[in-house]
Amino acid sequence: MNLFHIQSTLQGIDWTSSFLENNFIGIGWPATGDLEHGSAEEWKEQLVQRYRLGETELSDVMDTLYTFVYIMQDGDYVLVSDKDWTYVGDMGDYFYDDSNGTEGESICHRRGVTWLGRIPLAELNDKVLALVSHDSIIAKFEHPIAQAKLEPWVSITSSTTTGDNHSSARVDEGTVQEALNVLKKALQSEEADLRIRAAVAILQYAKS
């Protein structure tokens, strides 16, 4: 599992609220069309035809598109920041959404996100602060994800409702305690992904 930061101000528009409220992240350059249905050469041709990009900027945009479509993966974590908080999300697959048109300010290249928590900027460690301060539209955390120390801030809000007949499983207290003990042991695992998922499960149980 990898960790990324993505800029939420694109073409001068702050998309942070939209990303959080509508559970997605995205990038611009909509005129390229669906990036999964074209080659890199076709992306480049569309960028040259539709956008006035210098050679260096064109190379940067190509790298951004490639990262968004092929380097980011379902299950990776992504950070989005505003002036006070950094928000942690679990990413889904890439999709192309041109339902609002393909004008310059449209965000058609998207990934769904399940938002898991938020961290005050003042609480970020130096490595994560360097990530969210990066100038690139998309930046990858170049350290083991355990060094991001996201566990205390990550949780999942239960979507069940009080009146739902399926909102809680009928499990005896002994089994619940045994499962919690397994999760607590998993918190000490050498695998960062396992530790994070164990922390999520425990926090979810605590909120239920």
C-alpha atoms as a PDB file:
ATOM      1  CA  MET A   1       0.000   0.000   0.000  1.00  0.00           C
ATOM      2  CA  ASN A   2       1.294   3.439  -0.959  1.00  0.00           C
ATOM      3  CA  LEU A   3       0.521   6.936   0.291  1.00  0.00           C
ATOM      4  CA  PHE A   4       0.041   9.996  -1.930  1.00  0.00           C
ATOM      5  CA  HIS A   5      -0.814  13.664  -1.569  1.00  0.00           C
ATOM      6  CA  ILE A   6      -2.908  15.395  -4.235  1.00  0.00           C
ATOM      7  CA  GLN A   7      -3.407  19.125  -4.662  1.00  0.00           C
ATOM      8  CA  SER A   8      -7.043  20.189  -4.281  1.00  0.00           C
ATOM      9  CA  THR A   9      -6.705  23.643  -5.848  1.00  0.00           C
ATOM     10  CA  LEU A  10      -6.722  23.146  -9.620  1.00  0.00           C
ATOM     11  CA  GLN A  11      -6.946  25.825 -12.300  1.00  0.00           C
ATOM     12  CA  GLY A  12      -7.359  28.329  -9.465  1.00  0.00           C
ATOM     13  CA  ILE A  13     -10.430  26.558  -8.070  1.00  0.00           C
ATOM     14  CA  ASP A  14     -10.460  25.030  -4.573  1.00  0.00           C
ATOM     15  CA  TRP A  15     -11.993  21.552  -4.876  1.00  0.00           C
ATOM     16  CA  THR A  16     -11.398  20.497  -1.268  1.00  0.00           C
ATOM     17  CA  SER A  17     -15.045  20.701  -0.171  1.00  0.00           C
ATOM     18  CA  SER A  18     -16.239  18.916  -3.303  1.00  0.00           C
ATOM     19  CA  PHE A  19     -13.649  16.149  -2.874  1.00  0.00           C
ATOM     20  CA  LEU A  20     -14.728  15.595   0.741  1.00  0.00           C
ATOM     21  CA  GLU A  21     -18.486  15.907   0.261  1.00  0.00           C
ATOM     22  CA  ASN A  22     -18.664  13.829  -2.929  1.00  0.00           C
ATOM     23  CA  ASN A  23     -16.051  11.232  -2.001  1.00  0.00           C
ATOM     24  CA  PHE A  24     -13.612  11.573  -4.872  1.00  0.00           C
ATOM     25  CA  ILE A  25     -10.325  13.131  -5.913  1.00  0.00           C
ATOM     26  CA  GLY A  26      -9.505  14.311  -9.411  1.00  0.00           C
ATOM     27  CA  ILE A  27      -7.226  16.139 -11.797  1.00  0.00           C
ATOM     28  CA  GLY A  28      -7.775  18.380 -14.828  1.00  0.00           C
ATOM     29  CA  TRP A  29      -7.000  18.149 -18.561  1.00  0.00           C
ATOM     30  CA  PRO A  30     -10.413  16.682 -19.429  1.00  0.00           C
ATOM     31  CA  ALA A  31      -9.937  16.994 -23.207  1.00  0.00           C
ATOM     32  CA  THR A  32      -7.720  13.908 -23.237  1.00  0.00           C
ATOM     33  CA  GLY A  33     -10.810  11.724 -22.774  1.00  0.00           C
ATOM     34  CA  ASP A  34     -10.829   8.484 -20.812  1.00  0.00           C
ATOM     35  CA  LEU A  35      -7.159   7.743 -20.136  1.00  0.00           C
ATOM     36  CA  GLU A  36      -7.716   4.002 -19.857  1.00  0.00           C
ATOM     37  CA  HIS A  37      -8.893   3.917 -23.469  1.00  0.00           C
ATOM     38  CA  GLY A  38      -5.896   5.596 -25.058  1.00  0.00           C
ATOM     39  CA  SER A  39      -2.129   5.247 -25.262  1.00  0.00           C
ATOM     40  CA  ALA A  40       0.375   7.711 -23.834  1.00  0.00           C
ATOM     41  CA  GLU A  41       1.039   8.964 -27.363  1.00  0.00           C
ATOM     42  CA  GLU A  42      -2.670   9.682 -27.792  1.00  0.00           C
ATOM     43  CA  TRP A  43      -2.717  11.551 -24.462  1.00  0.00           C
ATOM     44  CA  LYS A  44       0.223  13.639 -25.636  1.00  0.00           C
ATOM     45  CA  GLU A  45      -1.426  14.397 -28.970  1.00  0.00           C
ATOM     46  CA  GLN A  46      -4.610  15.603 -27.257  1.00  0.00           C
ATOM     47  CA  LEU A  47      -2.651  17.730 -24.779  1.00  0.00           C
ATOM     48  CA  VAL A  48      -0.683  19.390 -27.595  1.00  0.00           C
ATOM     49  CA  GLN A  49      -3.829  20.058 -29.609  1.00  0.00           C
ATOM     50  CA  ARG A  50      -6.038  21.350 -26.784  1.00  0.00           C
ATOM     51  CA  TYR A  51      -3.681  23.018 -24.292  1.00  0.00           C
ATOM     52  CA  ARG A  52      -0.848  25.466 -24.710  1.00  0.00           C
ATOM     53  CA  LEU A  53       1.879  23.613 -22.838  1.00  0.00           C
ATOM     54  CA  GLY A  54       5.607  24.139 -23.044  1.00  0.00           C
ATOM     55  CA  GLU A  55       7.845  21.113 -23.366  1.00  0.00           C
ATOM     56  CA  THR A  56       8.668  20.951 -19.648  1.00  0.00           C
ATOM     57  CA  GLU A  57       5.041  21.473 -18.593  1.00  0.00           C
ATOM     58  CA  LEU A  58       3.893  18.853 -21.104  1.00  0.00           C
ATOM     59  CA  SER A  59       6.301  16.329 -19.585  1.00  0.00           C
ATOM     60  CA  ASP A  60       5.054  17.155 -16.065  1.00  0.00           C
ATOM     61  CA  VAL A  61       1.420  16.761 -17.126  1.00  0.00           C
ATOM     62  CA  MET A  62       2.144  13.402 -18.767  1.00  0.00           C
ATOM     63  CA  ASP A  63       3.809  12.208 -15.550  1.00  0.00           C
ATOM     64  CA  THR A  64       0.809  13.399 -13.496  1.00  0.00           C
ATOM     65  CA  LEU A  65      -1.683  11.607 -15.755  1.00  0.00           C
ATOM     66  CA  TYR A  66       0.337   8.397 -15.726  1.00  0.00           C
ATOM     67  CA  THR A  67       0.655   8.474 -11.941  1.00  0.00           C
ATOM     68  CA  PHE A  68      -3.066   9.106 -11.453  1.00  0.00           C
ATOM     69  CA  VAL A  69      -4.120   6.257 -13.757  1.00  0.00           C
ATOM     70  CA  TYR A  70      -1.429   3.617 -13.326  1.00  0.00           C
ATOM     71  CA  ILE A  71       0.756   4.267 -10.267  1.00  0.00           C
ATOM     72  CA  MET A  72      -2.069   4.995  -7.822  1.00  0.00           C
ATOM     73  CA  GLN A  73      -3.997   1.831  -7.018  1.00  0.00           C
ATOM     74  CA  ASP A  74      -7.272   0.810  -5.424  1.00  0.00           C
ATOM     75  CA  GLY A  75      -6.565   0.558  -1.680  1.00  0.00           C
ATOM     76  CA  ASP A  76      -3.760   3.104  -1.598  1.00  0.00           C
ATOM     77  CA  TYR A  77      -4.102   6.020   0.801  1.00  0.00           C
ATOM     78  CA  VAL A  78      -4.350   9.648  -0.296  1.00  0.00           C
ATOM     79  CA  LEU A  79      -4.025  12.940   1.585  1.00  0.00           C
ATOM     80  CA  VAL A  80      -5.828  16.187   0.735  1.00  0.00           C
ATOM     81  CA  SER A  81      -5.056  19.344   2.677  1.00  0.00           C
ATOM     82  CA  ASP A  82      -6.603  22.713   3.470  1.00  0.00           C
ATOM     83  CA  LYS A  83      -5.137  25.477   5.644  1.00  0.00           C
ATOM     84  CA  ASP A  84      -5.872  23.650   8.915  1.00  0.00           C
ATOM     85  CA  TRP A  85      -6.262  19.941   8.231  1.00  0.00           C
ATOM     86  CA  THR A  86      -4.981  17.044   6.179  1.00  0.00           C
ATOM     87  CA  TYR A  87      -7.672  14.489   5.272  1.00  0.00           C
ATOM     88  CA  VAL A  88      -6.861  10.787   4.909  1.00  0.00           C
ATOM     89  CA  GLY A  89      -8.699   8.665   2.344  1.00  0.00           C
ATOM     90  CA  ASP A  90      -8.711   5.132   0.942  1.00  0.00           C
ATOM     91  CA  MET A  91      -8.724   5.328  -2.865  1.00  0.00           C
ATOM     92  CA  GLY A  92     -10.777   3.355  -5.359  1.00  0.00           C
ATOM     93  CA  ASP A  93     -10.299   2.769  -9.084  1.00  0.00           C
ATOM     94  CA  TYR A  94      -9.807   5.401 -11.793  1.00  0.00           C
ATOM     95  CA  PHE A  95     -12.852   6.521 -13.791  1.00  0.00           C
ATOM     96  CA  TYR A  96     -13.628   9.247 -16.307  1.00  0.00           C
ATOM     97  CA  ASP A  97     -16.667  11.454 -15.624  1.00  0.00           C
ATOM     98  CA  ASP A  98     -17.522  14.067 -18.255  1.00  0.00           C
ATOM     99  CA  SER A  99     -21.117  14.554 -17.083  1.00  0.00           C
ATOM    100  CA  ASN A 100     -20.360  18.225 -16.361  1.00  0.00           C
ATOM    101  CA  GLY A 101     -18.634  18.818 -19.671  1.00  0.00           C
ATOM    102  CA  THR A 102     -14.981  18.943 -20.640  1.00  0.00           C
ATOM    103  CA  GLU A 103     -14.181  22.614 -20.290  1.00  0.00           C
ATOM    104  CA  GLY A 104     -10.826  23.660 -18.839  1.00  0.00           C
ATOM    105  CA  GLU A 105     -12.037  23.812 -15.231  1.00  0.00           C
ATOM    106  CA  SER A 106     -13.768  20.413 -15.268  1.00  0.00           C
ATOM    107  CA  ILE A 107     -12.395  17.563 -13.178  1.00  0.00           C
ATOM    108  CA  CYS A 108     -13.123  14.532 -15.345  1.00  0.00           C
ATOM    109  CA  HIS A 109     -10.290  12.226 -14.290  1.00  0.00           C
ATOM    110  CA  ARG A 110     -11.387  10.845 -10.944  1.00  0.00           C
ATOM    111  CA  ARG A 111     -10.930   8.206  -8.276  1.00  0.00           C
ATOM    112  CA  GLY A 112     -13.507   7.414  -5.636  1.00  0.00           C
ATOM    113  CA  VAL A 113     -12.357   7.882  -2.038  1.00  0.00           C
ATOM    114  CA  THR A 114     -13.572   6.652   1.334  1.00  0.00           C
ATOM    115  CA  TRP A 115     -12.505   9.362   3.779  1.00  0.00           C
ATOM    116  CA  LEU A 116     -11.133   7.809   6.967  1.00  0.00           C
ATOM    117  CA  GLY A 117     -10.113  10.736   9.147  1.00  0.00           C
ATOM    118  CA  ARG A 118      -8.363  14.081   9.386  1.00  0.00           C
ATOM    119  CA  ILE A 119      -5.145  15.265  11.000  1.00  0.00           C
ATOM    120  CA  PRO A 120      -4.382  18.800  12.232  1.00  0.00           C
ATOM    121  CA  LEU A 121      -1.515  20.176  10.153  1.00  0.00           C
ATOM    122  CA  ALA A 122       0.337  20.945  13.372  1.00  0.00           C
ATOM    123  CA  GLU A 123       0.345  17.217  14.231  1.00  0.00           C
ATOM    124  CA  LEU A 124       1.970  16.018  10.974  1.00  0.00           C
ATOM    125  CA  ASN A 125       5.460  14.630  11.364  1.00  0.00           C
ATOM    126  CA  ASP A 126       8.280  16.060   9.255  1.00  0.00           C
ATOM    127  CA  LYS A 127       8.070  13.387   6.555  1.00  0.00           C
ATOM    128  CA  VAL A 128       4.331  13.837   5.985  1.00  0.00           C
ATOM    129  CA  LEU A 129       4.618  17.618   6.187  1.00  0.00           C
ATOM    130  CA  ALA A 130       7.203  17.474   3.396  1.00  0.00           C
ATOM    131  CA  LEU A 131       4.772  15.360   1.350  1.00  0.00           C
ATOM    132  CA  VAL A 132       1.791  17.722   1.699  1.00  0.00           C
ATOM    133  CA  SER A 133       4.037  20.731   1.040  1.00  0.00           C
ATOM    134  CA  HIS A 134       5.299  19.326  -2.268  1.00  0.00           C
ATOM    135  CA  ASP A 135       4.719  21.512  -5.320  1.00  0.00           C
ATOM    136  CA  SER A 136       3.654  18.640  -7.584  1.00  0.00           C
ATOM    137  CA  ILE A 137      -0.040  18.022  -8.235  1.00  0.00           C
ATOM    138  CA  ILE A 138       0.512  14.435  -7.088  1.00  0.00           C
ATOM    139  CA  ALA A 139       3.355  13.487  -4.739  1.00  0.00           C
ATOM    140  CA  LYS A 140       4.192   9.995  -3.485  1.00  0.00           C
ATOM    141  CA  PHE A 141       5.392   9.266   0.057  1.00  0.00           C
ATOM    142  CA  GLU A 142       8.880   7.872  -0.483  1.00  0.00           C
ATOM    143  CA  HIS A 143       9.218   6.192   2.918  1.00  0.00           C
ATOM    144  CA  PRO A 144       7.642   3.078   4.436  1.00  0.00           C
ATOM    145  CA  ILE A 145       4.033   4.048   5.148  1.00  0.00           C
ATOM    146  CA  ALA A 146       4.500   3.159   8.826  1.00  0.00           C
ATOM    147  CA  GLN A 147       6.648   6.281   9.105  1.00  0.00           C
ATOM    148  CA  ALA A 148       3.615   8.436   8.266  1.00  0.00           C
ATOM    149  CA  LYS A 149       2.109   7.397  11.631  1.00  0.00           C
ATOM    150  CA  LEU A 150      -1.485   7.666  10.435  1.00  0.00           C
ATOM    151  CA  GLU A 151      -2.933   5.028  12.764  1.00  0.00           C
ATOM    152  CA  PRO A 152      -4.136   7.335  15.576  1.00  0.00           C
ATOM    153  CA  TRP A 153      -6.141   9.433  13.108  1.00  0.00           C
ATOM    154  CA  VAL A 154      -7.721   6.793  10.866  1.00  0.00           C
ATOM    155  CA  SER A 155     -11.253   5.545  11.459  1.00  0.00           C
ATOM    156  CA  ILE A 156     -14.352   4.442   9.589  1.00  0.00           C
ATOM    157  CA  THR A 157     -17.791   5.872  10.355  1.00  0.00           C
ATOM    158  CA  SER A 158     -20.405   3.146  10.482  1.00  0.00           C
ATOM    159  CA  SER A 159     -23.165   3.533   7.890  1.00  0.00           C
ATOM    160  CA  THR A 160     -25.673   1.454   9.841  1.00  0.00           C
ATOM    161  CA  THR A 161     -28.797   2.963  11.368  1.00  0.00           C
ATOM    162  CA  THR A 162     -30.576   2.151  14.605  1.00  0.00           C
ATOM    163  CA  GLY A 163     -33.635   0.740  12.893  1.00  0.00           C
ATOM    164  CA  ASP A 164     -31.736  -1.571  10.545  1.00  0.00           C
ATOM    165  CA  ASN A 165     -32.346  -5.237  11.362  1.00  0.00           C
ATOM    166  CA  HIS A 166     -28.880  -6.029  10.040  1.00  0.00           C
ATOM    167  CA  SER A 167     -27.085  -3.271  11.915  1.00  0.00           C
ATOM    168  CA  SER A 168     -25.452  -5.599  14.439  1.00  0.00           C
ATOM    169  CA  ALA A 169     -24.390  -9.210  14.376  1.00  0.00           C
ATOM    170  CA  ARG A 170     -25.413 -11.509  17.204  1.00  0.00           C
ATOM    171  CA  VAL A 171     -22.031 -12.597  18.537  1.00  0.00           C
ATOM    172  CA  ASP A 172     -21.323 -13.681  22.103  1.00  0.00           C
ATOM    173  CA  GLU A 173     -19.065 -11.514  24.272  1.00  0.00           C
ATOM    174  CA  GLY A 174     -16.331 -14.148  24.449  1.00  0.00           C
ATOM    175  CA  THR A 175     -15.976 -14.275  20.671  1.00  0.00           C
ATOM    176  CA  VAL A 176     -15.927 -10.465  20.477  1.00  0.00           C
ATOM    177  CA  GLN A 177     -13.142 -10.321  23.088  1.00  0.00           C
ATOM    178  CA  GLU A 178     -11.169 -13.007  21.270  1.00  0.00           C
ATOM    179  CA  ALA A 179     -11.461 -11.050  17.996  1.00  0.00           C
ATOM    180  CA  LEU A 180     -10.319  -7.866  19.716  1.00  0.00           C
ATOM    181  CA  ASN A 181      -7.302  -9.684  21.135  1.00  0.00           C
ATOM    182  CA  VAL A 182      -6.365 -10.798  17.605  1.00  0.00           C
ATOM    183  CA  LEU A 183      -6.651  -7.219  16.373  1.00  0.00           C
ATOM    184  CA  LYS A 184      -4.544  -5.950  19.271  1.00  0.00           C
ATOM    185  CA  LYS A 185      -1.818  -8.436  18.348  1.00  0.00           C
ATOM    186  CA  ALA A 186      -2.066  -7.275  14.730  1.00  0.00           C
ATOM    187  CA  LEU A 187      -1.258  -3.732  15.901  1.00  0.00           C
ATOM    188  CA  GLN A 188       2.255  -5.006  16.670  1.00  0.00           C
ATOM    189  CA  SER A 189       2.749  -6.544  13.212  1.00  0.00           C
ATOM    190  CA  GLU A 190       5.780  -5.571  11.152  1.00  0.00           C
ATOM    191  CA  GLU A 191       3.429  -4.997   8.180  1.00  0.00           C
ATOM    192  CA  ALA A 192       2.207  -1.381   8.163  1.00  0.00           C
ATOM    193  CA  ASP A 193      -0.887  -2.246   6.109  1.00  0.00           C
ATOM    194  CA  LEU A 194      -1.967  -4.864   8.650  1.00  0.00           C
ATOM    195  CA  ARG A 195      -1.406  -2.463  11.575  1.00  0.00           C
ATOM    196  CA  ILE A 196      -3.480   0.264   9.920  1.00  0.00           C
ATOM    197  CA  ARG A 197      -6.367  -2.072   9.079  1.00  0.00           C
ATOM    198  CA  ALA A 198      -6.338  -3.486  12.604  1.00  0.00           C
ATOM    199  CA  ALA A 199      -6.473   0.065  13.994  1.00  0.00           C
ATOM    200  CA  VAL A 200      -9.402   0.878  11.687  1.00  0.00           C
ATOM    201  CA  ALA A 201     -11.307  -2.216  12.829  1.00  0.00           C
ATOM    202  CA  ILE A 202     -10.750  -1.440  16.527  1.00  0.00           C
ATOM    203  CA  LEU A 203     -11.813   2.190  16.126  1.00  0.00           C
ATOM    204  CA  GLN A 204     -14.874   1.125  14.168  1.00  0.00           C
ATOM    205  CA  TYR A 205     -15.838  -1.281  16.963  1.00  0.00           C
ATOM    206  CA  ALA A 206     -15.292   1.428  19.575  1.00  0.00           C
ATOM    207  CA  LYS A 207     -17.700   3.732  17.741  1.00  0.00           C
ATOM    208  CA  SER A 208     -20.414   1.108  17.252  1.00  0.00           C
END
